[in-house]
Amino acid sequence: MANHELGAVFGNCKSFYGKARVETTSWGKVLISYTTRVAEIIDGKAVVYGTHSKTTLRHIREFLLQNGFAAEGKAQIERDYMTGEAQSL
C-alpha cells in the first residue's frame, strides 16, 4: 500500500499541510482527511462518506478532480457520490 500527501492542484491554496493523505491499495484509493476516511475510489467509482467540514470538503473536491470526477460543489458531490448511509448521518 502506497501513502502520499494530497497535493493542491485545482484549489486556490498552496498546500493542505499534511492534513489530507491518499492511500493507494490494490483495489483503489482512499482519501484520509485529518484522521478520518472520507472518500474512496473503487473500481473506477467514487464514494464519499461525508463532507464534514469546509476544509474536508476541499480535500474531497481536490481528490475527486485529480482523479477525473466532477466536483462542482457540496450539493453535487453529495448527490452523486455519497452513500445512503452517509446521507442519513
PDB file of N, CA and C in Angstrom:
ATOM      1  N   MET A   1       0.858  -1.177   0.000  1.00  0.00           N
ATOM      2  CA  MET A   1       0.000   0.000   0.000  1.00  0.00           C
ATOM      3  C   MET A   1       0.902   1.238   0.000  1.00  0.00           C
ATOM      4  N   ALA A   2       0.655   2.155  -0.923  1.00  0.00           N
ATOM      5  CA  ALA A   2       1.389   3.415  -1.011  1.00  0.00           C
ATOM      6  C   ALA A   2       0.581   4.510  -0.323  1.00  0.00           C
ATOM      7  N   ASN A   3       1.263   5.460   0.264  1.00  0.00           N
ATOM      8  CA  ASN A   3       0.618   6.530   1.014  1.00  0.00           C
ATOM      9  C   ASN A   3       1.329   7.838   0.660  1.00  0.00           C
ATOM     10  N   HIS A   4       0.563   8.863   0.246  1.00  0.00           N
ATOM     11  CA  HIS A   4       1.184  10.147  -0.067  1.00  0.00           C
ATOM     12  C   HIS A   4       0.250  11.301   0.314  1.00  0.00           C
ATOM     13  N   GLU A   5       0.841  12.463   0.463  1.00  0.00           N
ATOM     14  CA  GLU A   5       0.058  13.658   0.783  1.00  0.00           C
ATOM     15  C   GLU A   5      -0.717  14.105  -0.451  1.00  0.00           C
ATOM     16  N   LEU A   6      -1.965  14.523  -0.248  1.00  0.00           N
ATOM     17  CA  LEU A   6      -2.761  15.077  -1.337  1.00  0.00           C
ATOM     18  C   LEU A   6      -2.235  16.473  -1.649  1.00  0.00           C
ATOM     19  N   GLY A   7      -1.817  16.682  -2.866  1.00  0.00           N
ATOM     20  CA  GLY A   7      -1.332  17.992  -3.278  1.00  0.00           C
ATOM     21  C   GLY A   7      -2.476  18.897  -3.699  1.00  0.00           C
ATOM     22  N   ALA A   8      -2.261  20.181  -3.633  1.00  0.00           N
ATOM     23  CA  ALA A   8      -3.261  21.169  -4.047  1.00  0.00           C
ATOM     24  C   ALA A   8      -2.984  21.556  -5.490  1.00  0.00           C
ATOM     25  N   VAL A   9      -3.830  21.093  -6.400  1.00  0.00           N
ATOM     26  CA  VAL A   9      -3.671  21.365  -7.826  1.00  0.00           C
ATOM     27  C   VAL A   9      -4.780  22.288  -8.326  1.00  0.00           C
ATOM     28  N   PHE A  10      -6.022  21.987  -7.973  1.00  0.00           N
ATOM     29  CA  PHE A  10      -7.177  22.697  -8.519  1.00  0.00           C
ATOM     30  C   PHE A  10      -7.676  23.837  -7.635  1.00  0.00           C
ATOM     31  N   GLY A  11      -7.369  23.810  -6.360  1.00  0.00           N
ATOM     32  CA  GLY A  11      -7.848  24.848  -5.447  1.00  0.00           C
ATOM     33  C   GLY A  11      -6.946  26.065  -5.445  1.00  0.00           C
ATOM     34  N   ASN A  12      -7.308  27.026  -4.617  1.00  0.00           N
ATOM     35  CA  ASN A  12      -6.512  28.248  -4.560  1.00  0.00           C
ATOM     36  C   ASN A  12      -5.536  28.264  -3.385  1.00  0.00           C
ATOM     37  N   CYS A  13      -5.371  27.136  -2.694  1.00  0.00           N
ATOM     38  CA  CYS A  13      -4.383  27.079  -1.617  1.00  0.00           C
ATOM     39  C   CYS A  13      -3.106  26.433  -2.149  1.00  0.00           C
ATOM     40  N   LYS A  14      -2.008  26.689  -1.464  1.00  0.00           N
ATOM     41  CA  LYS A  14      -0.721  26.151  -1.899  1.00  0.00           C
ATOM     42  C   LYS A  14      -0.522  24.708  -1.466  1.00  0.00           C
ATOM     43  N   SER A  15      -1.078  24.351  -0.314  1.00  0.00           N
ATOM     44  CA  SER A  15      -0.877  23.027   0.246  1.00  0.00           C
ATOM     45  C   SER A  15      -1.991  22.718   1.243  1.00  0.00           C
ATOM     46  N   PHE A  16      -2.151  21.432   1.553  1.00  0.00           N
ATOM     47  CA  PHE A  16      -3.064  21.024   2.616  1.00  0.00           C
ATOM     48  C   PHE A  16      -2.288  20.728   3.895  1.00  0.00           C
ATOM     49  N   TYR A  17      -0.997  20.961   3.880  1.00  0.00           N
ATOM     50  CA  TYR A  17      -0.129  20.889   5.060  1.00  0.00           C
ATOM     51  C   TYR A  17      -0.220  19.551   5.790  1.00  0.00           C
ATOM     52  N   GLY A  18      -0.273  18.477   5.021  1.00  0.00           N
ATOM     53  CA  GLY A  18      -0.265  17.138   5.592  1.00  0.00           C
ATOM     54  C   GLY A  18      -1.584  16.686   6.189  1.00  0.00           C
ATOM     55  N   LYS A  19      -2.627  17.479   6.067  1.00  0.00           N
ATOM     56  CA  LYS A  19      -3.923  17.142   6.666  1.00  0.00           C
ATOM     57  C   LYS A  19      -4.774  16.245   5.770  1.00  0.00           C
ATOM     58  N   ALA A  20      -4.352  16.043   4.523  1.00  0.00           N
ATOM     59  CA  ALA A  20      -5.072  15.161   3.595  1.00  0.00           C
ATOM     60  C   ALA A  20      -4.068  14.196   2.973  1.00  0.00           C
ATOM     61  N   ARG A  21      -4.367  12.898   3.108  1.00  0.00           N
ATOM     62  CA  ARG A  21      -3.471  11.873   2.597  1.00  0.00           C
ATOM     63  C   ARG A  21      -4.256  10.900   1.719  1.00  0.00           C
ATOM     64  N   VAL A  22      -3.568  10.322   0.754  1.00  0.00           N
ATOM     65  CA  VAL A  22      -4.173   9.338  -0.144  1.00  0.00           C
ATOM     66  C   VAL A  22      -3.422   8.024   0.036  1.00  0.00           C
ATOM     67  N   GLU A  23      -4.179   6.976   0.304  1.00  0.00           N
ATOM     68  CA  GLU A  23      -3.621   5.631   0.367  1.00  0.00           C
ATOM     69  C   GLU A  23      -4.037   4.907  -0.907  1.00  0.00           C
ATOM     70  N   THR A  24      -3.067   4.355  -1.615  1.00  0.00           N
ATOM     71  CA  THR A  24      -3.343   3.591  -2.821  1.00  0.00           C
ATOM     72  C   THR A  24      -3.176   2.118  -2.487  1.00  0.00           C
ATOM     73  N   THR A  25      -4.214   1.355  -2.742  1.00  0.00           N
ATOM     74  CA  THR A  25      -4.206  -0.076  -2.455  1.00  0.00           C
ATOM     75  C   THR A  25      -4.373  -0.852  -3.753  1.00  0.00           C
ATOM     76  N   SER A  26      -4.404  -2.154  -3.653  1.00  0.00           N
ATOM     77  CA  SER A  26      -4.595  -2.986  -4.846  1.00  0.00           C
ATOM     78  C   SER A  26      -6.014  -2.847  -5.402  1.00  0.00           C
ATOM     79  N   TRP A  27      -6.964  -2.397  -4.598  1.00  0.00           N
ATOM     80  CA  TRP A  27      -8.357  -2.278  -5.038  1.00  0.00           C
ATOM     81  C   TRP A  27      -8.798  -0.848  -5.315  1.00  0.00           C
ATOM     82  N   GLY A  28      -7.988   0.168  -4.975  1.00  0.00           N
ATOM     83  CA  GLY A  28      -8.378   1.549  -5.259  1.00  0.00           C
ATOM     84  C   GLY A  28      -7.607   2.567  -4.446  1.00  0.00           C
ATOM     85  N   LYS A  29      -8.226   3.725  -4.243  1.00  0.00           N
ATOM     86  CA  LYS A  29      -7.612   4.827  -3.499  1.00  0.00           C
ATOM     87  C   LYS A  29      -8.533   5.249  -2.366  1.00  0.00           C
ATOM     88  N   VAL A  30      -7.928   5.649  -1.255  1.00  0.00           N
ATOM     89  CA  VAL A  30      -8.677   6.098  -0.086  1.00  0.00           C
ATOM     90  C   VAL A  30      -8.182   7.485   0.289  1.00  0.00           C
ATOM     91  N   LEU A  31      -9.101   8.421   0.526  1.00  0.00           N
ATOM     92  CA  LEU A  31      -8.740   9.761   0.995  1.00  0.00           C
ATOM     93  C   LEU A  31      -8.953   9.828   2.499  1.00  0.00           C
ATOM     94  N   ILE A  32      -7.903  10.213   3.211  1.00  0.00           N
ATOM     95  CA  ILE A  32      -7.945  10.418   4.651  1.00  0.00           C
ATOM     96  C   ILE A  32      -7.820  11.916   4.896  1.00  0.00           C
ATOM     97  N   SER A  33      -8.839  12.518   5.498  1.00  0.00           N
ATOM     98  CA  SER A  33      -8.813  13.935   5.852  1.00  0.00           C
ATOM     99  C   SER A  33      -8.649  14.006   7.365  1.00  0.00           C
ATOM    100  N   TYR A  34      -7.575  14.639   7.805  1.00  0.00           N
ATOM    101  CA  TYR A  34      -7.171  14.609   9.212  1.00  0.00           C
ATOM    102  C   TYR A  34      -6.947  13.148   9.570  1.00  0.00           C
ATOM    103  N   THR A  35      -7.799  12.504  10.313  1.00  0.00           N
ATOM    104  CA  THR A  35      -7.625  11.077  10.632  1.00  0.00           C
ATOM    105  C   THR A  35      -8.838  10.247  10.209  1.00  0.00           C
ATOM    106  N   THR A  36      -9.716  10.820   9.392  1.00  0.00           N
ATOM    107  CA  THR A  36     -10.966  10.160   9.026  1.00  0.00           C
ATOM    108  C   THR A  36     -10.982   9.779   7.553  1.00  0.00           C
ATOM    109  N   ARG A  37     -11.383   8.544   7.277  1.00  0.00           N
ATOM    110  CA  ARG A  37     -11.562   8.100   5.889  1.00  0.00           C
ATOM    111  C   ARG A  37     -12.839   8.748   5.375  1.00  0.00           C
ATOM    112  N   VAL A  38     -12.717   9.610   4.356  1.00  0.00           N
ATOM    113  CA  VAL A  38     -13.869  10.386   3.886  1.00  0.00           C
ATOM    114  C   VAL A  38     -14.298  10.052   2.467  1.00  0.00           C
ATOM    115  N   ALA A  39     -13.433   9.418   1.687  1.00  0.00           N
ATOM    116  CA  ALA A  39     -13.791   9.087   0.303  1.00  0.00           C
ATOM    117  C   ALA A  39     -12.910   7.955  -0.208  1.00  0.00           C
ATOM    118  N   GLU A  40     -13.438   7.245  -1.193  1.00  0.00           N
ATOM    119  CA  GLU A  40     -12.694   6.168  -1.839  1.00  0.00           C
ATOM    120  C   GLU A  40     -13.012   6.148  -3.323  1.00  0.00           C
ATOM    121  N   ILE A  41     -12.092   5.604  -4.071  1.00  0.00           N
ATOM    122  CA  ILE A  41     -12.340   5.284  -5.474  1.00  0.00           C
ATOM    123  C   ILE A  41     -12.053   3.802  -5.611  1.00  0.00           C
ATOM    124  N   ILE A  42     -13.106   3.042  -5.909  1.00  0.00           N
ATOM    125  CA  ILE A  42     -13.009   1.595  -6.001  1.00  0.00           C
ATOM    126  C   ILE A  42     -13.521   1.181  -7.370  1.00  0.00           C
ATOM    127  N   ASP A  43     -12.683   0.476  -8.105  1.00  0.00           N
ATOM    128  CA  ASP A  43     -13.053   0.011  -9.453  1.00  0.00           C
ATOM    129  C   ASP A  43     -13.613   1.145 -10.305  1.00  0.00           C
ATOM    130  N   GLY A  44     -13.008   2.316 -10.229  1.00  0.00           N
ATOM    131  CA  GLY A  44     -13.408   3.446 -11.054  1.00  0.00           C
ATOM    132  C   GLY A  44     -14.645   4.182 -10.581  1.00  0.00           C
ATOM    133  N   LYS A  45     -15.158   3.850  -9.391  1.00  0.00           N
ATOM    134  CA  LYS A  45     -16.349   4.502  -8.860  1.00  0.00           C
ATOM    135  C   LYS A  45     -15.985   5.258  -7.578  1.00  0.00           C
ATOM    136  N   ALA A  46     -16.392   6.529  -7.509  1.00  0.00           N
ATOM    137  CA  ALA A  46     -16.109   7.351  -6.328  1.00  0.00           C
ATOM    138  C   ALA A  46     -17.234   7.207  -5.313  1.00  0.00           C
ATOM    139  N   VAL A  47     -16.843   7.114  -4.041  1.00  0.00           N
ATOM    140  CA  VAL A  47     -17.788   7.058  -2.937  1.00  0.00           C
ATOM    141  C   VAL A  47     -17.309   8.043  -1.874  1.00  0.00           C
ATOM    142  N   VAL A  48     -18.223   8.890  -1.407  1.00  0.00           N
ATOM    143  CA  VAL A  48     -17.904   9.865  -0.364  1.00  0.00           C
ATOM    144  C   VAL A  48     -18.707   9.495   0.874  1.00  0.00           C
ATOM    145  N   TYR A  49     -18.040   9.499   2.033  1.00  0.00           N
ATOM    146  CA  TYR A  49     -18.678   9.075   3.280  1.00  0.00           C
ATOM    147  C   TYR A  49     -19.169  10.229   4.132  1.00  0.00           C
ATOM    148  N   GLY A  50     -18.997  11.445   3.674  1.00  0.00           N
ATOM    149  CA  GLY A  50     -19.480  12.616   4.401  1.00  0.00           C
ATOM    150  C   GLY A  50     -18.594  13.805   4.069  1.00  0.00           C
ATOM    151  N   THR A  51     -19.207  14.967   3.923  1.00  0.00           N
ATOM    152  CA  THR A  51     -18.420  16.158   3.587  1.00  0.00           C
ATOM    153  C   THR A  51     -17.857  16.833   4.827  1.00  0.00           C
ATOM    154  N   HIS A  52     -18.409  16.573   5.994  1.00  0.00           N
ATOM    155  CA  HIS A  52     -17.879  17.034   7.273  1.00  0.00           C
ATOM    156  C   HIS A  52     -17.695  18.552   7.306  1.00  0.00           C
ATOM    157  N   SER A  53     -16.459  19.019   7.388  1.00  0.00           N
ATOM    158  CA  SER A  53     -16.178  20.459   7.494  1.00  0.00           C
ATOM    159  C   SER A  53     -15.880  21.066   6.121  1.00  0.00           C
ATOM    160  N   LYS A  54     -15.766  22.397   6.079  1.00  0.00           N
ATOM    161  CA  LYS A  54     -15.412  23.071   4.826  1.00  0.00           C
ATOM    162  C   LYS A  54     -14.038  22.625   4.334  1.00  0.00           C
ATOM    163  N   THR A  55     -13.113  22.437   5.259  1.00  0.00           N
ATOM    164  CA  THR A  55     -11.766  22.013   4.876  1.00  0.00           C
ATOM    165  C   THR A  55     -11.784  20.598   4.317  1.00  0.00           C
ATOM    166  N   THR A  56     -12.503  19.709   4.953  1.00  0.00           N
ATOM    167  CA  THR A  56     -12.602  18.342   4.447  1.00  0.00           C
ATOM    168  C   THR A  56     -13.287  18.319   3.088  1.00  0.00           C
ATOM    169  N   LEU A  57     -14.284  19.159   2.893  1.00  0.00           N
ATOM    170  CA  LEU A  57     -14.929  19.261   1.585  1.00  0.00           C
ATOM    171  C   LEU A  57     -13.916  19.690   0.524  1.00  0.00           C
ATOM    172  N   ARG A  58     -13.021  20.596   0.868  1.00  0.00           N
ATOM    173  CA  ARG A  58     -11.954  20.997  -0.079  1.00  0.00           C
ATOM    174  C   ARG A  58     -11.061  19.806  -0.415  1.00  0.00           C
ATOM    175  N   HIS A  59     -10.722  19.003   0.598  1.00  0.00           N
ATOM    176  CA  HIS A  59      -9.902  17.804   0.355  1.00  0.00           C
ATOM    177  C   HIS A  59     -10.622  16.845  -0.589  1.00  0.00           C
ATOM    178  N   ILE A  60     -11.911  16.618  -0.333  1.00  0.00           N
ATOM    179  CA  ILE A  60     -12.705  15.702  -1.166  1.00  0.00           C
ATOM    180  C   ILE A  60     -12.787  16.225  -2.598  1.00  0.00           C
ATOM    181  N   ARG A  61     -13.066  17.498  -2.745  1.00  0.00           N
ATOM    182  CA  ARG A  61     -13.172  18.101  -4.081  1.00  0.00           C
ATOM    183  C   ARG A  61     -11.869  17.922  -4.854  1.00  0.00           C
ATOM    184  N   GLU A  62     -10.753  18.219  -4.207  1.00  0.00           N
ATOM    185  CA  GLU A  62      -9.440  18.078  -4.838  1.00  0.00           C
ATOM    186  C   GLU A  62      -9.178  16.622  -5.236  1.00  0.00           C
ATOM    187  N   PHE A  63      -9.470  15.701  -4.346  1.00  0.00           N
ATOM    188  CA  PHE A  63      -9.289  14.267  -4.595  1.00  0.00           C
ATOM    189  C   PHE A  63     -10.100  13.824  -5.812  1.00  0.00           C
ATOM    190  N   LEU A  64     -11.362  14.228  -5.863  1.00  0.00           N
ATOM    191  CA  LEU A  64     -12.220  13.855  -6.989  1.00  0.00           C
ATOM    192  C   LEU A  64     -11.707  14.448  -8.295  1.00  0.00           C
ATOM    193  N   LEU A  65     -11.391  15.730  -8.296  1.00  0.00           N
ATOM    194  CA  LEU A  65     -10.913  16.383  -9.519  1.00  0.00           C
ATOM    195  C   LEU A  65      -9.613  15.754 -10.021  1.00  0.00           C
ATOM    196  N   GLN A  66      -8.696  15.462  -9.121  1.00  0.00           N
ATOM    197  CA  GLN A  66      -7.421  14.868  -9.526  1.00  0.00           C
ATOM    198  C   GLN A  66      -7.600  13.475 -10.123  1.00  0.00           C
ATOM    199  N   ASN A  67      -8.721  12.849  -9.815  1.00  0.00           N
ATOM    200  CA  ASN A  67      -8.972  11.502 -10.323  1.00  0.00           C
ATOM    201  C   ASN A  67     -10.017  11.474 -11.428  1.00  0.00           C
ATOM    202  N   GLY A  68     -10.308  12.648 -12.017  1.00  0.00           N
ATOM    203  CA  GLY A  68     -11.159  12.721 -13.198  1.00  0.00           C
ATOM    204  C   GLY A  68     -12.657  12.745 -12.952  1.00  0.00           C
ATOM    205  N   PHE A  69     -13.078  13.037 -11.717  1.00  0.00           N
ATOM    206  CA  PHE A  69     -14.506  13.095 -11.392  1.00  0.00           C
ATOM    207  C   PHE A  69     -14.969  14.544 -11.306  1.00  0.00           C
ATOM    208  N   ALA A  70     -16.239  14.772 -11.553  1.00  0.00           N
ATOM    209  CA  ALA A  70     -16.822  16.108 -11.402  1.00  0.00           C
ATOM    210  C   ALA A  70     -16.915  16.429  -9.917  1.00  0.00           C
ATOM    211  N   ALA A  71     -16.639  17.673  -9.584  1.00  0.00           N
ATOM    212  CA  ALA A  71     -16.733  18.123  -8.190  1.00  0.00           C
ATOM    213  C   ALA A  71     -17.058  19.601  -8.205  1.00  0.00           C
ATOM    214  N   GLU A  72     -18.312  19.907  -8.511  1.00  0.00           N
ATOM    215  CA  GLU A  72     -18.732  21.294  -8.691  1.00  0.00           C
ATOM    216  C   GLU A  72     -19.015  21.998  -7.370  1.00  0.00           C
ATOM    217  N   GLY A  73     -19.434  21.279  -6.386  1.00  0.00           N
ATOM    218  CA  GLY A  73     -19.753  21.873  -5.090  1.00  0.00           C
ATOM    219  C   GLY A  73     -20.334  20.826  -4.168  1.00  0.00           C
ATOM    220  N   LYS A  74     -20.651  21.233  -2.955  1.00  0.00           N
ATOM    221  CA  LYS A  74     -21.132  20.301  -1.934  1.00  0.00           C
ATOM    222  C   LYS A  74     -22.387  19.552  -2.382  1.00  0.00           C
ATOM    223  N   ALA A  75     -23.379  20.264  -2.912  1.00  0.00           N
ATOM    224  CA  ALA A  75     -24.637  19.617  -3.298  1.00  0.00           C
ATOM    225  C   ALA A  75     -24.407  18.556  -4.374  1.00  0.00           C
ATOM    226  N   GLN A  76     -23.626  18.870  -5.374  1.00  0.00           N
ATOM    227  CA  GLN A  76     -23.349  17.910  -6.457  1.00  0.00           C
ATOM    228  C   GLN A  76     -22.562  16.717  -5.930  1.00  0.00           C
ATOM    229  N   ILE A  77     -21.577  16.945  -5.096  1.00  0.00           N
ATOM    230  CA  ILE A  77     -20.773  15.858  -4.531  1.00  0.00           C
ATOM    231  C   ILE A  77     -21.658  14.934  -3.696  1.00  0.00           C
ATOM    232  N   GLU A  78     -22.489  15.524  -2.839  1.00  0.00           N
ATOM    233  CA  GLU A  78     -23.371  14.706  -2.002  1.00  0.00           C
ATOM    234  C   GLU A  78     -24.372  13.920  -2.846  1.00  0.00           C
ATOM    235  N   ARG A  79     -24.917  14.540  -3.861  1.00  0.00           N
ATOM    236  CA  ARG A  79     -25.909  13.881  -4.724  1.00  0.00           C
ATOM    237  C   ARG A  79     -25.285  12.726  -5.513  1.00  0.00           C
ATOM    238  N   ASP A  80     -24.106  12.960  -6.068  1.00  0.00           N
ATOM    239  CA  ASP A  80     -23.524  11.988  -6.992  1.00  0.00           C
ATOM    240  C   ASP A  80     -22.669  10.905  -6.340  1.00  0.00           C
ATOM    241  N   TYR A  81     -22.071  11.191  -5.180  1.00  0.00           N
ATOM    242  CA  TYR A  81     -21.074  10.265  -4.646  1.00  0.00           C
ATOM    243  C   TYR A  81     -21.345   9.740  -3.244  1.00  0.00           C
ATOM    244  N   MET A  82     -22.263  10.339  -2.514  1.00  0.00           N
ATOM    245  CA  MET A  82     -22.492   9.889  -1.145  1.00  0.00           C
ATOM    246  C   MET A  82     -23.321   8.627  -1.101  1.00  0.00           C
ATOM    247  N   THR A  83     -22.958   7.776  -0.182  1.00  0.00           N
ATOM    248  CA  THR A  83     -23.737   6.565   0.037  1.00  0.00           C
ATOM    249  C   THR A  83     -24.987   6.931   0.834  1.00  0.00           C
ATOM    250  N   GLY A  84     -25.995   6.104   0.788  1.00  0.00           N
ATOM    251  CA  GLY A  84     -27.225   6.340   1.541  1.00  0.00           C
ATOM    252  C   GLY A  84     -26.969   6.439   3.021  1.00  0.00           C
ATOM    253  N   GLU A  85     -26.033   5.628   3.555  1.00  0.00           N
ATOM    254  CA  GLU A  85     -25.710   5.661   4.972  1.00  0.00           C
ATOM    255  C   GLU A  85     -25.140   7.012   5.362  1.00  0.00           C
ATOM    256  N   ALA A  86     -24.233   7.551   4.562  1.00  0.00           N
ATOM    257  CA  ALA A  86     -23.604   8.838   4.880  1.00  0.00           C
ATOM    258  C   ALA A  86     -24.601   9.973   4.798  1.00  0.00           C
ATOM    259  N   GLN A  87     -25.555   9.914   3.869  1.00  0.00           N
ATOM    260  CA  GLN A  87     -26.536  10.983   3.727  1.00  0.00           C
ATOM    261  C   GLN A  87     -27.473  11.054   4.927  1.00  0.00           C
ATOM    262  N   SER A  88     -27.671   9.937   5.622  1.00  0.00           N
ATOM    263  CA  SER A  88     -28.585   9.936   6.747  1.00  0.00           C
ATOM    264  C   SER A  88     -27.905  10.346   8.049  1.00  0.00           C
ATOM    265  N   LEU A  89     -26.593  10.534   8.037  1.00  0.00           N
ATOM    266  CA  LEU A  89     -25.877  10.937   9.258  1.00  0.00           C
ATOM    267  C   LEU A  89     -26.180  12.365   9.646  1.00  0.00           C
TER     268      LEU A  89
END
